[in-house]
């Protein structure tokens, strides 16, 4: 069975984006980029991948899940297939026609869809964002990988918008980076 992993950047106070969905207040540090390229290379968007680097795109994931608001910044930049090296699934009720043939649009219940997806053969599934989709999928998340940034935002899009429904996780690894970012790995209990 495949695992669903929520791999995301967060502030100390638990926000993954500003209220408008932007995340430019998370500076992309060289050590964070190096960590991502080494441990989770498939999380690097296709258009910024190093063409001289060997293809290790399916080290951990072969599928990426996104909410509409996570997908839209790529569309605004003219990128219709941000993770062309992965199977791309966007959950949306407002986008009805895929802007790219490599992107699957799903309007169904995320939990039901992901439960079926987890039964298929393949590598793990990366939940890229956003907070609303993560909140809906919280019961299905097997592992959290949080790039905890030394920033307090005070508001914005929460890590998982689900109302008050505590879900317990066990810390399985910490990787402090020189930039002050700490990568925390948690496993669902």
Protein backbone atom coordinates (compact mmCIF):
# COMPACT_ATOMS: atom_id res chain seq x y z
CA UNK A 1 0.00 0.00 0.00
CA UNK A 2 1.23 3.47 -0.89
CA UNK A 3 1.63 6.20 1.70
CA UNK A 4 0.31 9.75 1.51
CA UNK A 5 2.99 12.22 2.56
CA UNK A 6 2.28 15.88 3.18
CA UNK A 7 5.57 17.64 2.32
CA UNK A 8 5.25 21.38 2.84
CA UNK A 9 6.96 24.54 4.12
CA UNK A 10 5.48 26.15 7.22
CA UNK A 11 6.03 29.08 9.53
CA UNK A 12 6.63 28.54 13.24
CA UNK A 13 3.00 29.49 13.85
CA UNK A 14 1.67 26.95 11.34
CA UNK A 15 0.97 28.86 8.12
CA UNK A 16 1.93 27.57 4.66
CA UNK A 17 1.06 30.73 2.73
CA UNK A 18 -0.06 34.32 3.14
CA UNK A 19 -3.80 35.10 3.13
CA UNK A 20 -3.58 35.70 -0.65
CA UNK A 21 -1.91 32.31 -1.22
CA UNK A 22 1.57 33.69 -1.87
CA UNK A 23 4.59 32.15 -0.21
CA UNK A 24 7.39 34.51 -1.26
CA UNK A 25 8.10 35.27 2.41
CA UNK A 26 9.73 31.80 2.58
CA UNK A 27 13.24 32.51 1.30
CA UNK A 28 14.56 29.59 -0.73
CA UNK A 29 17.94 29.00 0.90
CA UNK A 30 20.72 27.02 -0.79
CA UNK A 31 20.78 24.43 2.00
CA UNK A 32 17.02 23.85 1.69
CA UNK A 33 17.34 23.44 -2.08
CA UNK A 34 20.23 21.00 -1.61
CA UNK A 35 18.19 19.01 0.94
CA UNK A 36 15.20 18.84 -1.41
CA UNK A 37 17.37 17.78 -4.36
CA UNK A 38 19.03 15.07 -2.30
CA UNK A 39 16.10 13.64 -0.30
CA UNK A 40 12.99 14.55 -2.29
CA UNK A 41 14.12 15.50 -5.81
CA UNK A 42 10.68 15.00 -7.31
CA UNK A 43 9.36 17.96 -5.27
CA UNK A 44 11.39 20.32 -7.45
CA UNK A 45 9.14 21.67 -10.24
CA UNK A 46 9.94 20.42 -13.72
CA UNK A 47 10.73 23.87 -15.13
CA UNK A 48 13.51 24.53 -12.56
CA UNK A 49 15.07 21.06 -12.47
CA UNK A 50 18.78 20.96 -13.32
CA UNK A 51 19.11 19.44 -16.81
CA UNK A 52 22.67 18.29 -15.97
CA UNK A 53 21.58 16.36 -12.90
CA UNK A 54 20.80 12.65 -13.31
CA UNK A 55 17.08 11.89 -13.31
CA UNK A 56 16.17 10.73 -9.80
CA UNK A 57 12.62 11.98 -10.08
CA UNK A 58 10.98 8.86 -8.72
CA UNK A 59 13.05 8.33 -5.60
CA UNK A 60 10.10 8.70 -3.20
CA UNK A 61 7.01 9.90 -5.11
CA UNK A 62 5.41 9.20 -8.47
CA UNK A 63 2.19 11.16 -7.86
CA UNK A 64 1.47 14.69 -6.65
CA UNK A 65 -1.84 16.01 -5.27
CA UNK A 66 -2.70 19.70 -5.28
CA UNK A 67 -5.64 21.85 -4.43
CA UNK A 68 -6.77 24.41 -6.99
CA UNK A 69 -5.21 27.33 -5.11
CA UNK A 70 -1.85 25.53 -5.05
CA UNK A 71 -2.04 24.83 -8.79
CA UNK A 72 -3.18 28.31 -9.89
CA UNK A 73 0.13 30.21 -9.43
CA UNK A 74 1.73 27.90 -12.01
CA UNK A 75 -1.17 28.52 -14.38
CA UNK A 76 -0.82 32.29 -13.95
CA UNK A 77 2.87 31.91 -14.89
CA UNK A 78 1.90 29.95 -18.02
CA UNK A 79 2.99 26.59 -16.58
CA UNK A 80 0.18 24.11 -17.12
CA UNK A 81 2.17 21.05 -16.00
CA UNK A 82 4.35 22.09 -13.03
CA UNK A 83 5.39 18.52 -12.12
CA UNK A 84 5.44 16.85 -15.55
CA UNK A 85 7.77 14.16 -14.15
CA UNK A 86 4.94 13.01 -11.82
CA UNK A 87 1.30 11.98 -12.19
CA UNK A 88 -0.45 15.27 -11.37
CA UNK A 89 -3.87 15.38 -9.72
CA UNK A 90 -5.62 18.67 -8.93
CA UNK A 91 -8.71 18.71 -6.72
CA UNK A 92 -11.08 21.38 -7.93
CA UNK A 93 -14.76 21.97 -8.44
CA UNK A 94 -14.20 25.19 -10.40
CA UNK A 95 -11.68 23.92 -12.97
CA UNK A 96 -13.67 21.48 -15.08
CA UNK A 97 -11.37 21.00 -18.07
CA UNK A 98 -7.70 20.15 -17.51
CA UNK A 99 -5.47 22.95 -18.86
CA UNK A 100 -2.93 20.25 -19.78
CA UNK A 101 -3.44 16.61 -20.82
CA UNK A 102 -0.95 15.49 -18.14
CA UNK A 103 -3.03 17.00 -15.32
CA UNK A 104 -6.04 15.14 -13.93
CA UNK A 105 -8.82 17.27 -12.43
CA UNK A 106 -10.83 15.58 -9.66
CA UNK A 107 -14.04 17.01 -8.21
CA UNK A 108 -14.83 13.91 -6.12
CA UNK A 109 -14.44 13.52 -2.38
CA UNK A 110 -10.67 13.66 -1.70
CA UNK A 111 -10.69 10.95 1.01
CA UNK A 112 -12.52 8.41 -1.17
CA UNK A 113 -10.29 9.20 -4.15
CA UNK A 114 -7.04 8.99 -2.14
CA UNK A 115 -8.08 5.76 -0.41
CA UNK A 116 -8.43 4.15 -3.87
CA UNK A 117 -5.19 5.76 -5.08
CA UNK A 118 -3.29 4.36 -2.09
CA UNK A 119 -4.38 0.84 -3.11
CA UNK A 120 -2.75 1.15 -6.55
CA UNK A 121 0.82 0.04 -7.09
CA UNK A 122 3.53 2.67 -7.22
CA UNK A 123 5.66 4.97 -5.12
CA UNK A 124 4.33 7.18 -2.35
CA UNK A 125 1.92 10.05 -3.01
CA UNK A 126 2.97 13.65 -2.32
CA UNK A 127 0.38 16.06 -1.00
CA UNK A 128 1.82 19.36 -2.18
CA UNK A 129 -0.89 21.60 -0.77
CA UNK A 130 -2.89 23.47 0.16
CA UNK A 131 -4.22 23.85 3.63
CA UNK A 132 -7.87 23.21 2.77
CA UNK A 133 -7.09 19.99 0.90
CA UNK A 134 -4.70 18.91 3.67
CA UNK A 135 -7.45 19.48 6.22
CA UNK A 136 -9.82 17.26 4.24
CA UNK A 137 -7.15 14.58 3.80
CA UNK A 138 -5.78 14.70 7.36
CA UNK A 139 -7.19 11.25 8.29
CA UNK A 140 -5.45 9.74 5.23
CA UNK A 141 -2.01 11.35 5.79
CA UNK A 142 0.58 8.75 6.73
CA UNK A 143 3.57 11.06 7.09
CA UNK A 144 4.23 14.79 7.49
CA UNK A 145 7.46 16.38 6.29
CA UNK A 146 7.45 19.99 7.41
CA UNK A 147 10.17 22.45 6.40
CA UNK A 148 9.75 24.63 9.50
CA UNK A 149 10.94 28.13 8.64
CA UNK A 150 12.14 30.57 11.31
CA UNK A 151 9.28 32.96 10.51
CA UNK A 152 6.13 33.95 12.37
CA UNK A 153 3.45 35.08 9.91
CA UNK A 154 0.61 35.89 12.31
CA UNK A 155 -2.00 34.72 9.82
CA UNK A 156 -2.53 33.16 6.44
CA UNK A 157 -3.38 29.73 5.10
CA UNK A 158 -2.99 27.15 7.88
CA UNK A 159 -1.06 23.91 7.53
CA UNK A 160 -4.34 21.97 7.67
CA UNK A 161 -7.69 23.75 7.76
CA UNK A 162 -9.96 21.20 9.38
CA UNK A 163 -11.58 22.76 12.37
CA UNK A 164 -10.78 21.31 15.76
CA UNK A 165 -10.11 17.61 15.13
CA UNK A 166 -6.80 16.62 16.78
CA UNK A 167 -4.72 14.06 14.88
CA UNK A 168 -1.65 12.66 16.61
CA UNK A 169 1.71 12.10 14.93
CA UNK A 170 5.02 10.68 16.17
CA UNK A 171 8.26 12.54 15.48
CA UNK A 172 10.58 10.21 13.52
CA UNK A 173 13.35 12.55 12.32
CA UNK A 174 14.67 16.10 12.56
CA UNK A 175 17.18 17.72 10.21
CA UNK A 176 18.33 21.20 11.22
CA UNK A 177 19.79 23.20 8.32
CA UNK A 178 22.27 26.09 8.53
CA UNK A 179 19.68 28.58 7.29
CA UNK A 180 17.57 27.96 10.41
CA UNK A 181 15.03 25.78 8.62
CA UNK A 182 14.36 22.53 10.48
CA UNK A 183 12.93 19.63 8.52
CA UNK A 184 10.59 17.67 10.78
CA UNK A 185 9.30 14.22 9.84
CA UNK A 186 6.26 12.83 11.61
CA UNK A 187 4.44 9.54 11.17
CA UNK A 188 0.71 9.14 11.79
CA UNK A 189 -0.13 7.15 14.93
